[in-house]
Amino acid sequence: MASSPVSSVFDAYHRWYYDTEVWETVEFLGVPSLKSVADMWNYQEILSMLNPALVVEFGTRFGGAALYFSVVGRALNPALRVISVDISHVDVHPRVRTEPSIHLMTCSSTDPGMAANLLAYRAAMPGPAFFILDSDHRKAHVLAEMELLRQVTKPGDYLVVEDGNINGNPVLPGWGEGPYEAVAAYREKYPDDYAHDAERESKFGFTFAPGGFLIRR
């Protein structure tokens, strides 16, 4: 089926936004965040709706997103904590390292002990949680992250799987199977785990996380 003129415009803007690498210049309080600004606005609306006790981010890089989640989240809940997981934190901005609500966890997001660590945080900080996956974008890795979180997430929690836009969805055609395909594989295996928040996902016309706005049932 041919795409509508409106969707074609959104896809064209999406490709421009991505291919010009303007997203690599997006900063929060001076720290690179490497995000779509439309997605970031959506995230603060989700945080406001959810009022989480915990934010868990897989993939830190410079730490701009972790700082964003900390500042926005603590405006809603001063006790909120952000757990940001990556195999290395060498690039993390000094401002992020001094943020008391952010805990940098240096290990793989698919480490066998990760689920137990996150369950311990959840026990200490009861309440809803927001999860975002933005580390290794290969399908097998993202699927393993989602499988791990199956033990950790609870009904009402929110999960965003980022960068499903690669592999021609609509950017970087030929990249290979990635987050979008991982979400599809997970939903085929566990069709009742998550509701797809399509209305939220489509709010601003394009997203780096197509198919990846999910609410735990």
N, C-alpha and C. Protein backbone atom coordinates (compact mmCIF):
# COMPACT_ATOMS: atom_id res chain seq x y z
N MET A 1 0.85 -1.19 0.00
CA MET A 1 0.00 0.00 0.00
C MET A 1 0.89 1.25 0.00
N ALA A 2 0.57 2.19 -0.86
CA ALA A 2 1.36 3.42 -0.94
C ALA A 2 1.16 4.26 0.31
N SER A 3 2.23 4.93 0.71
CA SER A 3 2.13 5.78 1.90
C SER A 3 1.35 7.04 1.57
N SER A 4 0.72 7.64 2.59
CA SER A 4 -0.04 8.86 2.39
C SER A 4 0.91 10.03 2.23
N PRO A 5 0.43 11.14 1.62
CA PRO A 5 1.30 12.33 1.51
C PRO A 5 1.82 12.81 2.85
N VAL A 6 0.98 12.72 3.90
CA VAL A 6 1.41 13.18 5.22
C VAL A 6 2.53 12.30 5.75
N SER A 7 2.36 10.97 5.66
CA SER A 7 3.40 10.07 6.16
C SER A 7 4.68 10.22 5.35
N SER A 8 4.56 10.52 4.05
CA SER A 8 5.75 10.73 3.23
C SER A 8 6.52 11.96 3.69
N VAL A 9 5.79 13.01 4.08
CA VAL A 9 6.44 14.22 4.59
C VAL A 9 7.16 13.90 5.90
N PHE A 10 6.49 13.17 6.79
CA PHE A 10 7.12 12.81 8.06
C PHE A 10 8.37 11.97 7.83
N ASP A 11 8.29 11.01 6.91
CA ASP A 11 9.44 10.16 6.63
C ASP A 11 10.59 10.97 6.04
N ALA A 12 10.27 11.93 5.19
CA ALA A 12 11.30 12.77 4.60
C ALA A 12 11.99 13.61 5.68
N TYR A 13 11.19 14.16 6.60
CA TYR A 13 11.78 14.93 7.69
C TYR A 13 12.62 14.03 8.59
N HIS A 14 12.10 12.86 8.86
CA HIS A 14 12.81 11.89 9.69
C HIS A 14 14.19 11.57 9.08
N ARG A 15 14.21 11.30 7.79
CA ARG A 15 15.48 10.99 7.12
C ARG A 15 16.42 12.20 7.15
N TRP A 16 15.86 13.41 6.96
CA TRP A 16 16.71 14.60 7.04
C TRP A 16 17.29 14.73 8.43
N TYR A 17 16.46 14.59 9.45
CA TYR A 17 16.89 14.75 10.84
C TYR A 17 17.99 13.75 11.17
N TYR A 18 17.83 12.53 10.68
CA TYR A 18 18.81 11.49 10.99
C TYR A 18 20.06 11.61 10.13
N ASP A 19 19.87 11.75 8.82
CA ASP A 19 21.01 11.70 7.90
C ASP A 19 21.92 12.91 8.01
N THR A 20 21.38 14.06 8.44
CA THR A 20 22.24 15.24 8.65
C THR A 20 22.96 15.18 9.99
N GLU A 21 22.60 14.17 10.80
CA GLU A 21 23.20 13.96 12.12
C GLU A 21 22.98 15.13 13.07
N VAL A 22 21.89 15.86 12.84
CA VAL A 22 21.57 16.95 13.77
C VAL A 22 21.31 16.39 15.17
N TRP A 23 20.81 15.15 15.23
CA TRP A 23 20.53 14.53 16.53
C TRP A 23 21.80 14.37 17.36
N GLU A 24 22.96 14.31 16.70
CA GLU A 24 24.22 14.19 17.43
C GLU A 24 24.61 15.50 18.11
N THR A 25 23.94 16.59 17.76
CA THR A 25 24.23 17.89 18.36
C THR A 25 23.22 18.27 19.44
N VAL A 26 22.22 17.42 19.68
CA VAL A 26 21.20 17.70 20.69
C VAL A 26 21.81 17.53 22.08
N GLU A 27 21.67 18.56 22.91
CA GLU A 27 22.23 18.54 24.25
C GLU A 27 21.16 18.87 25.29
N PHE A 28 21.35 18.36 26.49
CA PHE A 28 20.52 18.75 27.62
C PHE A 28 21.43 19.31 28.70
N LEU A 29 21.25 20.59 29.01
CA LEU A 29 22.08 21.29 29.99
C LEU A 29 23.57 21.12 29.66
N GLY A 30 23.87 21.18 28.37
CA GLY A 30 25.26 21.13 27.93
C GLY A 30 25.84 19.74 27.75
N VAL A 31 25.03 18.71 27.97
CA VAL A 31 25.52 17.34 27.85
C VAL A 31 24.85 16.67 26.64
N PRO A 32 25.63 16.11 25.69
CA PRO A 32 25.02 15.46 24.53
C PRO A 32 24.08 14.34 24.93
N SER A 33 22.91 14.30 24.25
CA SER A 33 21.91 13.29 24.58
C SER A 33 21.66 12.31 23.44
N LEU A 34 22.01 12.72 22.18
CA LEU A 34 21.89 11.83 21.02
C LEU A 34 20.47 11.29 20.84
N LYS A 35 19.49 12.18 20.93
CA LYS A 35 18.09 11.79 20.84
C LYS A 35 17.34 12.65 19.83
N SER A 36 16.14 12.18 19.51
CA SER A 36 15.17 13.04 18.84
C SER A 36 14.53 13.94 19.88
N VAL A 37 14.48 15.24 19.60
CA VAL A 37 13.88 16.16 20.58
C VAL A 37 12.39 15.88 20.74
N ALA A 38 11.74 15.38 19.68
CA ALA A 38 10.32 15.02 19.80
C ALA A 38 10.16 13.86 20.76
N ASP A 39 11.05 12.88 20.68
CA ASP A 39 10.99 11.77 21.62
C ASP A 39 11.23 12.24 23.05
N MET A 40 12.19 13.16 23.22
CA MET A 40 12.49 13.64 24.56
C MET A 40 11.29 14.34 25.17
N TRP A 41 10.54 15.08 24.36
CA TRP A 41 9.34 15.73 24.88
C TRP A 41 8.30 14.67 25.27
N ASN A 42 8.18 13.65 24.42
CA ASN A 42 7.26 12.55 24.75
C ASN A 42 7.66 11.88 26.06
N TYR A 43 8.96 11.71 26.28
CA TYR A 43 9.42 11.03 27.49
C TYR A 43 9.04 11.81 28.75
N GLN A 44 9.14 13.14 28.69
CA GLN A 44 8.78 13.89 29.90
C GLN A 44 7.28 13.81 30.14
N GLU A 45 6.49 13.71 29.08
CA GLU A 45 5.05 13.54 29.28
C GLU A 45 4.74 12.16 29.87
N ILE A 46 5.48 11.15 29.43
CA ILE A 46 5.30 9.81 29.99
C ILE A 46 5.69 9.80 31.47
N LEU A 47 6.81 10.43 31.80
CA LEU A 47 7.24 10.50 33.19
C LEU A 47 6.19 11.21 34.05
N SER A 48 5.61 12.27 33.52
CA SER A 48 4.58 13.00 34.26
C SER A 48 3.36 12.13 34.50
N MET A 49 2.98 11.34 33.50
CA MET A 49 1.84 10.44 33.62
C MET A 49 2.14 9.29 34.59
N LEU A 50 3.36 8.75 34.51
CA LEU A 50 3.73 7.55 35.25
C LEU A 50 4.17 7.85 36.68
N ASN A 51 4.86 9.00 36.87
CA ASN A 51 5.45 9.37 38.15
C ASN A 51 6.27 8.21 38.73
N PRO A 52 7.32 7.78 38.01
CA PRO A 52 8.05 6.58 38.43
C PRO A 52 8.95 6.83 39.64
N ALA A 53 9.25 5.73 40.32
CA ALA A 53 10.24 5.76 41.39
C ALA A 53 11.64 5.49 40.83
N LEU A 54 11.68 4.84 39.65
CA LEU A 54 12.94 4.39 39.08
C LEU A 54 12.92 4.54 37.57
N VAL A 55 14.04 5.04 37.02
CA VAL A 55 14.26 5.04 35.58
C VAL A 55 15.49 4.18 35.31
N VAL A 56 15.36 3.24 34.38
CA VAL A 56 16.47 2.35 34.02
C VAL A 56 16.79 2.56 32.54
N GLU A 57 18.02 2.95 32.29
CA GLU A 57 18.47 3.24 30.92
C GLU A 57 19.58 2.25 30.56
N PHE A 58 19.41 1.52 29.46
CA PHE A 58 20.46 0.67 28.93
C PHE A 58 21.14 1.44 27.80
N GLY A 59 22.40 1.85 28.02
CA GLY A 59 23.14 2.66 27.05
C GLY A 59 23.27 4.08 27.56
N THR A 60 24.48 4.47 27.99
CA THR A 60 24.70 5.76 28.63
C THR A 60 25.37 6.77 27.70
N ARG A 61 26.45 6.39 27.09
CA ARG A 61 27.36 7.21 26.29
C ARG A 61 27.79 8.47 27.04
N PHE A 62 27.32 9.64 26.67
CA PHE A 62 27.75 10.87 27.33
C PHE A 62 26.94 11.16 28.60
N GLY A 63 25.75 10.61 28.68
CA GLY A 63 24.93 10.78 29.88
C GLY A 63 23.88 11.86 29.81
N GLY A 64 23.69 12.48 28.63
CA GLY A 64 22.70 13.55 28.53
C GLY A 64 21.29 13.07 28.81
N ALA A 65 20.96 11.88 28.34
CA ALA A 65 19.61 11.35 28.58
C ALA A 65 19.43 11.02 30.06
N ALA A 66 20.45 10.42 30.68
CA ALA A 66 20.35 10.11 32.11
C ALA A 66 20.13 11.38 32.92
N LEU A 67 20.85 12.45 32.55
CA LEU A 67 20.68 13.72 33.24
C LEU A 67 19.28 14.27 33.03
N TYR A 68 18.79 14.17 31.82
CA TYR A 68 17.43 14.61 31.48
C TYR A 68 16.40 13.87 32.33
N PHE A 69 16.51 12.54 32.39
CA PHE A 69 15.55 11.76 33.17
C PHE A 69 15.65 12.11 34.65
N SER A 70 16.85 12.39 35.12
CA SER A 70 17.03 12.75 36.53
C SER A 70 16.36 14.08 36.85
N VAL A 71 16.65 15.10 36.04
CA VAL A 71 16.12 16.44 36.32
C VAL A 71 14.59 16.46 36.19
N VAL A 72 14.09 15.90 35.09
CA VAL A 72 12.64 15.89 34.88
C VAL A 72 11.96 14.99 35.91
N GLY A 73 12.52 13.82 36.13
CA GLY A 73 11.90 12.87 37.04
C GLY A 73 11.86 13.36 38.47
N ARG A 74 12.94 14.02 38.92
CA ARG A 74 12.96 14.50 40.30
C ARG A 74 12.08 15.72 40.50
N ALA A 75 11.72 16.41 39.42
CA ALA A 75 10.74 17.49 39.54
C ALA A 75 9.36 16.93 39.90
N LEU A 76 9.14 15.66 39.55
CA LEU A 76 7.89 14.99 39.86
C LEU A 76 7.97 14.19 41.15
N ASN A 77 9.12 13.55 41.35
CA ASN A 77 9.33 12.70 42.51
C ASN A 77 10.76 12.91 43.00
N PRO A 78 10.97 13.69 44.03
CA PRO A 78 12.33 13.99 44.50
C PRO A 78 13.14 12.76 44.88
N ALA A 79 12.47 11.65 45.15
CA ALA A 79 13.18 10.43 45.55
C ALA A 79 13.58 9.56 44.36
N LEU A 80 13.23 9.96 43.14
CA LEU A 80 13.51 9.16 41.96
C LEU A 80 15.00 8.87 41.80
N ARG A 81 15.33 7.68 41.31
CA ARG A 81 16.69 7.31 40.99
C ARG A 81 16.78 6.85 39.54
N VAL A 82 17.90 7.16 38.90
CA VAL A 82 18.17 6.76 37.52
C VAL A 82 19.33 5.78 37.53
N ILE A 83 19.10 4.60 36.96
CA ILE A 83 20.16 3.60 36.79
C ILE A 83 20.53 3.57 35.32
N SER A 84 21.78 3.90 35.01
CA SER A 84 22.22 3.93 33.62
C SER A 84 23.32 2.90 33.44
N VAL A 85 23.09 1.96 32.53
CA VAL A 85 23.94 0.78 32.37
C VAL A 85 24.68 0.84 31.04
N ASP A 86 25.99 0.61 31.08
CA ASP A 86 26.78 0.53 29.84
C ASP A 86 28.05 -0.26 30.13
N ILE A 87 28.68 -0.77 29.07
CA ILE A 87 29.91 -1.55 29.25
C ILE A 87 31.09 -0.64 29.56
N SER A 88 30.96 0.65 29.26
CA SER A 88 32.00 1.62 29.60
C SER A 88 31.35 2.97 29.86
N HIS A 89 31.92 3.72 30.82
CA HIS A 89 31.42 5.06 31.10
C HIS A 89 32.54 6.09 30.92
N VAL A 90 33.48 5.76 30.07
CA VAL A 90 34.63 6.65 29.88
C VAL A 90 34.21 7.98 29.27
N ASP A 91 33.13 8.01 28.48
CA ASP A 91 32.70 9.24 27.80
C ASP A 91 31.70 10.06 28.62
N VAL A 92 31.33 9.60 29.78
CA VAL A 92 30.28 10.28 30.55
C VAL A 92 30.76 11.67 31.01
N HIS A 93 29.91 12.66 30.80
CA HIS A 93 30.21 14.05 31.13
C HIS A 93 30.37 14.21 32.65
N PRO A 94 31.32 15.06 33.09
CA PRO A 94 31.53 15.25 34.54
C PRO A 94 30.27 15.68 35.29
N ARG A 95 29.41 16.46 34.64
CA ARG A 95 28.19 16.92 35.33
C ARG A 95 27.29 15.74 35.69
N VAL A 96 27.29 14.73 34.84
CA VAL A 96 26.46 13.56 35.10
C VAL A 96 27.02 12.76 36.27
N ARG A 97 28.33 12.69 36.36
CA ARG A 97 28.97 11.91 37.42
C ARG A 97 28.69 12.48 38.81
N THR A 98 28.39 13.77 38.87
CA THR A 98 28.16 14.40 40.17
C THR A 98 26.67 14.49 40.52
N GLU A 99 25.81 14.01 39.64
CA GLU A 99 24.37 14.06 39.89
C GLU A 99 24.02 12.96 40.89
N PRO A 100 23.58 13.31 42.09
CA PRO A 100 23.42 12.30 43.15
C PRO A 100 22.35 11.25 42.86
N SER A 101 21.38 11.57 42.00
CA SER A 101 20.29 10.62 41.75
C SER A 101 20.63 9.61 40.66
N ILE A 102 21.79 9.78 39.98
CA ILE A 102 22.17 8.88 38.89
C ILE A 102 23.20 7.88 39.39
N HIS A 103 22.91 6.61 39.15
CA HIS A 103 23.88 5.55 39.45
C HIS A 103 24.34 4.93 38.13
N LEU A 104 25.63 5.01 37.85
CA LEU A 104 26.20 4.42 36.65
C LEU A 104 26.63 2.99 36.94
N MET A 105 26.05 2.05 36.23
CA MET A 105 26.35 0.64 36.43
C MET A 105 27.17 0.17 35.22
N THR A 106 28.42 -0.20 35.44
CA THR A 106 29.32 -0.56 34.34
C THR A 106 29.34 -2.07 34.15
N CYS A 107 28.56 -2.53 33.19
CA CYS A 107 28.50 -3.94 32.83
C CYS A 107 27.62 -4.05 31.58
N SER A 108 27.51 -5.23 31.04
CA SER A 108 26.61 -5.45 29.92
C SER A 108 25.17 -5.42 30.40
N SER A 109 24.30 -4.87 29.57
CA SER A 109 22.87 -4.83 29.92
C SER A 109 22.24 -6.21 29.87
N THR A 110 22.96 -7.20 29.36
CA THR A 110 22.45 -8.57 29.36
C THR A 110 23.21 -9.46 30.34
N ASP A 111 23.97 -8.84 31.23
CA ASP A 111 24.70 -9.59 32.25
C ASP A 111 23.72 -10.45 33.06
N PRO A 112 24.06 -11.70 33.34
CA PRO A 112 23.13 -12.59 34.06
C PRO A 112 22.68 -12.04 35.41
N GLY A 113 23.51 -11.22 36.06
CA GLY A 113 23.13 -10.67 37.36
C GLY A 113 22.31 -9.41 37.29
N MET A 114 22.06 -8.90 36.08
CA MET A 114 21.37 -7.62 35.94
C MET A 114 19.95 -7.68 36.50
N ALA A 115 19.22 -8.73 36.22
CA ALA A 115 17.84 -8.82 36.69
C ALA A 115 17.79 -8.76 38.21
N ALA A 116 18.68 -9.48 38.89
CA ALA A 116 18.69 -9.48 40.36
C ALA A 116 19.00 -8.08 40.90
N ASN A 117 19.95 -7.39 40.26
CA ASN A 117 20.29 -6.03 40.68
C ASN A 117 19.09 -5.10 40.55
N LEU A 118 18.40 -5.18 39.43
CA LEU A 118 17.26 -4.30 39.20
C LEU A 118 16.09 -4.65 40.12
N LEU A 119 15.90 -5.93 40.41
CA LEU A 119 14.85 -6.32 41.35
C LEU A 119 15.14 -5.79 42.75
N ALA A 120 16.42 -5.74 43.10
CA ALA A 120 16.79 -5.19 44.41
C ALA A 120 16.47 -3.70 44.47
N TYR A 121 16.76 -2.97 43.39
CA TYR A 121 16.40 -1.55 43.33
C TYR A 121 14.90 -1.38 43.43
N ARG A 122 14.14 -2.24 42.76
CA ARG A 122 12.69 -2.12 42.79
C ARG A 122 12.15 -2.38 44.18
N ALA A 123 12.76 -3.33 44.89
CA ALA A 123 12.30 -3.62 46.25
C ALA A 123 12.56 -2.44 47.18
N ALA A 124 13.69 -1.76 46.95
CA ALA A 124 14.04 -0.61 47.79
C ALA A 124 13.25 0.63 47.40
N MET A 125 12.78 0.68 46.17
CA MET A 125 12.08 1.86 45.65
C MET A 125 10.77 1.43 45.02
N PRO A 126 9.79 1.08 45.82
CA PRO A 126 8.51 0.62 45.27
C PRO A 126 7.81 1.72 44.47
N GLY A 127 7.16 1.29 43.42
CA GLY A 127 6.46 2.24 42.56
C GLY A 127 6.71 1.90 41.11
N PRO A 128 6.07 2.61 40.19
CA PRO A 128 6.24 2.35 38.77
C PRO A 128 7.69 2.60 38.32
N ALA A 129 8.04 2.04 37.17
CA ALA A 129 9.37 2.24 36.61
C ALA A 129 9.28 2.51 35.11
N PHE A 130 10.24 3.30 34.64
CA PHE A 130 10.37 3.62 33.21
C PHE A 130 11.67 3.01 32.73
N PHE A 131 11.62 2.23 31.66
CA PHE A 131 12.79 1.57 31.09
C PHE A 131 13.01 2.06 29.66
N ILE A 132 14.27 2.25 29.29
CA ILE A 132 14.58 2.65 27.93
C ILE A 132 15.82 1.91 27.44
N LEU A 133 15.72 1.29 26.27
CA LEU A 133 16.79 0.49 25.70
C LEU A 133 17.45 1.26 24.57
N ASP A 134 18.74 1.57 24.75
CA ASP A 134 19.48 2.35 23.74
C ASP A 134 20.96 1.99 23.82
N SER A 135 21.25 0.69 23.77
CA SER A 135 22.66 0.27 23.82
C SER A 135 23.03 -0.38 22.50
N ASP A 136 23.43 -1.62 22.51
CA ASP A 136 23.76 -2.37 21.30
C ASP A 136 22.48 -2.60 20.51
N HIS A 137 22.45 -2.15 19.25
CA HIS A 137 21.21 -2.17 18.49
C HIS A 137 20.97 -3.45 17.68
N ARG A 138 21.85 -4.42 17.82
CA ARG A 138 21.62 -5.67 17.09
C ARG A 138 20.40 -6.41 17.65
N LYS A 139 19.67 -7.05 16.75
CA LYS A 139 18.42 -7.71 17.14
C LYS A 139 18.60 -8.66 18.31
N ALA A 140 19.62 -9.52 18.25
CA ALA A 140 19.81 -10.53 19.30
C ALA A 140 20.04 -9.88 20.66
N HIS A 141 20.79 -8.76 20.66
CA HIS A 141 21.08 -8.10 21.93
C HIS A 141 19.82 -7.44 22.51
N VAL A 142 19.09 -6.74 21.67
CA VAL A 142 17.87 -6.07 22.15
C VAL A 142 16.86 -7.10 22.64
N LEU A 143 16.73 -8.20 21.91
CA LEU A 143 15.81 -9.26 22.32
C LEU A 143 16.23 -9.84 23.68
N ALA A 144 17.54 -10.00 23.88
CA ALA A 144 18.03 -10.50 25.17
C ALA A 144 17.73 -9.52 26.29
N GLU A 145 17.84 -8.21 26.02
CA GLU A 145 17.49 -7.20 27.02
C GLU A 145 16.02 -7.30 27.39
N MET A 146 15.16 -7.44 26.38
CA MET A 146 13.73 -7.53 26.65
C MET A 146 13.40 -8.80 27.43
N GLU A 147 14.06 -9.90 27.09
CA GLU A 147 13.86 -11.15 27.83
C GLU A 147 14.27 -10.98 29.29
N LEU A 148 15.39 -10.31 29.54
CA LEU A 148 15.85 -10.07 30.90
C LEU A 148 14.84 -9.23 31.67
N LEU A 149 14.34 -8.18 31.03
CA LEU A 149 13.40 -7.28 31.71
C LEU A 149 12.05 -7.93 31.97
N ARG A 150 11.78 -9.05 31.33
CA ARG A 150 10.52 -9.76 31.57
C ARG A 150 10.41 -10.16 33.04
N GLN A 151 11.57 -10.39 33.67
CA GLN A 151 11.60 -10.77 35.09
C GLN A 151 11.46 -9.56 36.02
N VAL A 152 11.65 -8.36 35.45
CA VAL A 152 11.78 -7.15 36.27
C VAL A 152 10.56 -6.24 36.16
N THR A 153 9.98 -6.15 34.98
CA THR A 153 8.88 -5.21 34.77
C THR A 153 7.60 -5.71 35.43
N LYS A 154 6.74 -4.74 35.78
CA LYS A 154 5.47 -5.02 36.43
C LYS A 154 4.36 -4.32 35.65
N PRO A 155 3.11 -4.76 35.82
CA PRO A 155 2.00 -4.11 35.12
C PRO A 155 1.99 -2.60 35.35
N GLY A 156 1.84 -1.87 34.26
CA GLY A 156 1.82 -0.41 34.33
C GLY A 156 3.16 0.23 34.04
N ASP A 157 4.27 -0.53 34.13
CA ASP A 157 5.59 0.02 33.78
C ASP A 157 5.63 0.39 32.30
N TYR A 158 6.52 1.32 31.97
CA TYR A 158 6.65 1.77 30.58
C TYR A 158 8.03 1.37 30.06
N LEU A 159 8.06 0.85 28.84
CA LEU A 159 9.31 0.48 28.17
C LEU A 159 9.37 1.14 26.80
N VAL A 160 10.49 1.81 26.53
CA VAL A 160 10.75 2.35 25.19
C VAL A 160 11.96 1.63 24.61
N VAL A 161 11.80 1.06 23.43
CA VAL A 161 12.90 0.43 22.70
C VAL A 161 13.30 1.37 21.58
N GLU A 162 14.44 2.03 21.75
CA GLU A 162 14.87 3.06 20.80
C GLU A 162 15.57 2.47 19.57
N ASP A 163 15.67 3.33 18.56
CA ASP A 163 16.44 3.08 17.33
C ASP A 163 15.88 1.96 16.47
N GLY A 164 14.59 1.69 16.61
CA GLY A 164 13.94 0.81 15.66
C GLY A 164 13.80 1.44 14.28
N ASN A 165 14.17 2.71 14.17
CA ASN A 165 14.09 3.41 12.88
C ASN A 165 15.17 2.96 11.90
N ILE A 166 16.23 2.28 12.40
CA ILE A 166 17.28 1.82 11.50
C ILE A 166 16.81 0.60 10.71
N ASN A 167 17.61 0.20 9.75
CA ASN A 167 17.28 -0.92 8.85
C ASN A 167 16.08 -0.60 7.97
N GLY A 168 16.01 0.70 7.56
CA GLY A 168 14.98 1.12 6.61
C GLY A 168 13.65 1.45 7.21
N ASN A 169 13.65 1.79 8.51
CA ASN A 169 12.38 2.10 9.18
C ASN A 169 12.26 3.55 9.66
N PRO A 170 12.60 4.58 8.93
CA PRO A 170 12.92 4.56 7.50
C PRO A 170 14.40 4.86 7.19
N VAL A 171 15.30 4.85 8.19
CA VAL A 171 16.69 5.26 7.95
C VAL A 171 17.62 4.06 7.91
N LEU A 172 18.83 4.29 7.42
CA LEU A 172 19.88 3.27 7.34
C LEU A 172 19.39 1.95 6.76
N PRO A 173 18.81 1.98 5.55
CA PRO A 173 18.38 0.71 4.93
C PRO A 173 19.59 -0.20 4.73
N GLY A 174 19.39 -1.49 4.96
CA GLY A 174 20.48 -2.44 4.81
C GLY A 174 21.34 -2.59 6.04
N TRP A 175 21.01 -1.88 7.13
CA TRP A 175 21.82 -1.97 8.35
C TRP A 175 21.82 -3.39 8.91
N GLY A 176 20.72 -4.08 8.73
CA GLY A 176 20.54 -5.41 9.32
C GLY A 176 19.50 -5.37 10.42
N GLU A 177 19.02 -6.52 10.80
CA GLU A 177 17.95 -6.59 11.79
C GLU A 177 18.38 -5.97 13.12
N GLY A 178 17.50 -5.14 13.67
CA GLY A 178 17.84 -4.39 14.87
C GLY A 178 16.69 -4.34 15.86
N PRO A 179 16.53 -3.21 16.55
CA PRO A 179 15.50 -3.10 17.58
C PRO A 179 14.07 -3.35 17.10
N TYR A 180 13.73 -2.83 15.93
CA TYR A 180 12.37 -3.01 15.41
C TYR A 180 12.04 -4.49 15.26
N GLU A 181 12.99 -5.21 14.71
CA GLU A 181 12.80 -6.64 14.49
C GLU A 181 12.82 -7.42 15.81
N ALA A 182 13.60 -6.91 16.78
CA ALA A 182 13.62 -7.54 18.10
C ALA A 182 12.26 -7.41 18.79
N VAL A 183 11.67 -6.23 18.71
CA VAL A 183 10.34 -6.03 19.30
C VAL A 183 9.32 -6.96 18.65
N ALA A 184 9.38 -7.07 17.34
CA ALA A 184 8.45 -7.94 16.62
C ALA A 184 8.63 -9.40 17.05
N ALA A 185 9.88 -9.83 17.21
CA ALA A 185 10.15 -11.20 17.62
C ALA A 185 9.66 -11.44 19.06
N TYR A 186 9.87 -10.46 19.92
CA TYR A 186 9.43 -10.59 21.31
C TYR A 186 7.91 -10.69 21.36
N ARG A 187 7.23 -9.83 20.64
CA ARG A 187 5.77 -9.82 20.69
C ARG A 187 5.19 -11.10 20.10
N GLU A 188 5.88 -11.69 19.14
CA GLU A 188 5.42 -12.98 18.60
C GLU A 188 5.54 -14.07 19.67
N LYS A 189 6.60 -14.01 20.47
CA LYS A 189 6.84 -15.01 21.51
C LYS A 189 5.97 -14.79 22.74
N TYR A 190 5.80 -13.50 23.10
CA TYR A 190 5.05 -13.14 24.31
C TYR A 190 3.99 -12.10 23.94
N PRO A 191 2.96 -12.49 23.23
CA PRO A 191 2.01 -11.49 22.69
C PRO A 191 1.23 -10.72 23.75
N ASP A 192 1.15 -11.23 24.97
CA ASP A 192 0.34 -10.59 25.99
C ASP A 192 1.13 -9.74 26.97
N ASP A 193 2.45 -9.63 26.80
CA ASP A 193 3.27 -8.92 27.78
C ASP A 193 3.06 -7.41 27.75
N TYR A 194 2.97 -6.83 26.55
CA TYR A 194 2.94 -5.37 26.42
C TYR A 194 1.80 -4.92 25.53
N ALA A 195 1.23 -3.78 25.85
CA ALA A 195 0.34 -3.06 24.95
C ALA A 195 1.17 -2.02 24.20
N HIS A 196 0.95 -1.91 22.91
CA HIS A 196 1.67 -0.93 22.09
C HIS A 196 0.97 0.41 22.20
N ASP A 197 1.67 1.41 22.70
CA ASP A 197 1.10 2.75 22.87
C ASP A 197 1.25 3.52 21.56
N ALA A 198 0.44 3.14 20.57
CA ALA A 198 0.55 3.72 19.23
C ALA A 198 0.19 5.20 19.21
N GLU A 199 -0.77 5.60 20.02
CA GLU A 199 -1.18 7.01 20.05
C GLU A 199 -0.04 7.89 20.54
N ARG A 200 0.61 7.48 21.61
CA ARG A 200 1.74 8.23 22.13
C ARG A 200 2.87 8.26 21.11
N GLU A 201 3.15 7.12 20.51
CA GLU A 201 4.26 7.00 19.56
C GLU A 201 4.10 7.93 18.37
N SER A 202 2.87 8.09 17.90
CA SER A 202 2.63 8.86 16.68
C SER A 202 2.37 10.34 16.95
N LYS A 203 2.44 10.77 18.19
CA LYS A 203 2.00 12.12 18.57
C LYS A 203 2.71 13.22 17.78
N PHE A 204 4.01 13.09 17.56
CA PHE A 204 4.77 14.16 16.90
C PHE A 204 5.15 13.82 15.46
N GLY A 205 4.55 12.77 14.92
CA GLY A 205 4.73 12.48 13.50
C GLY A 205 5.88 11.56 13.16
N PHE A 206 6.94 11.57 13.96
CA PHE A 206 8.04 10.63 13.73
C PHE A 206 8.71 10.34 15.05
N THR A 207 9.39 9.20 15.11
CA THR A 207 10.08 8.79 16.31
C THR A 207 11.27 7.93 15.95
N PHE A 208 12.30 7.96 16.80
CA PHE A 208 13.42 7.05 16.63
C PHE A 208 13.08 5.65 17.14
N ALA A 209 11.88 5.47 17.71
CA ALA A 209 11.50 4.20 18.34
C ALA A 209 10.20 3.65 17.76
N PRO A 210 10.10 3.47 16.43
CA PRO A 210 8.85 2.95 15.87
C PRO A 210 8.57 1.54 16.40
N GLY A 211 7.35 1.35 16.84
CA GLY A 211 6.96 0.06 17.41
C GLY A 211 7.45 -0.15 18.82
N GLY A 212 8.14 0.84 19.38
CA GLY A 212 8.85 0.63 20.64
C GLY A 212 8.30 1.35 21.85
N PHE A 213 7.10 1.91 21.77
CA PHE A 213 6.47 2.52 22.95
C PHE A 213 5.52 1.49 23.55
N LEU A 214 5.91 0.91 24.68
CA LEU A 214 5.23 -0.28 25.20
C LEU A 214 4.86 -0.11 26.67
N ILE A 215 3.65 -0.56 27.03
CA ILE A 215 3.17 -0.53 28.41
C ILE A 215 2.98 -1.96 28.88
N ARG A 216 3.60 -2.29 30.01
CA ARG A 216 3.53 -3.66 30.53
C ARG A 216 2.12 -3.96 31.02
N ARG A 217 1.60 -5.08 30.55
CA ARG A 217 0.28 -5.53 31.00
C ARG A 217 0.39 -6.28 32.32
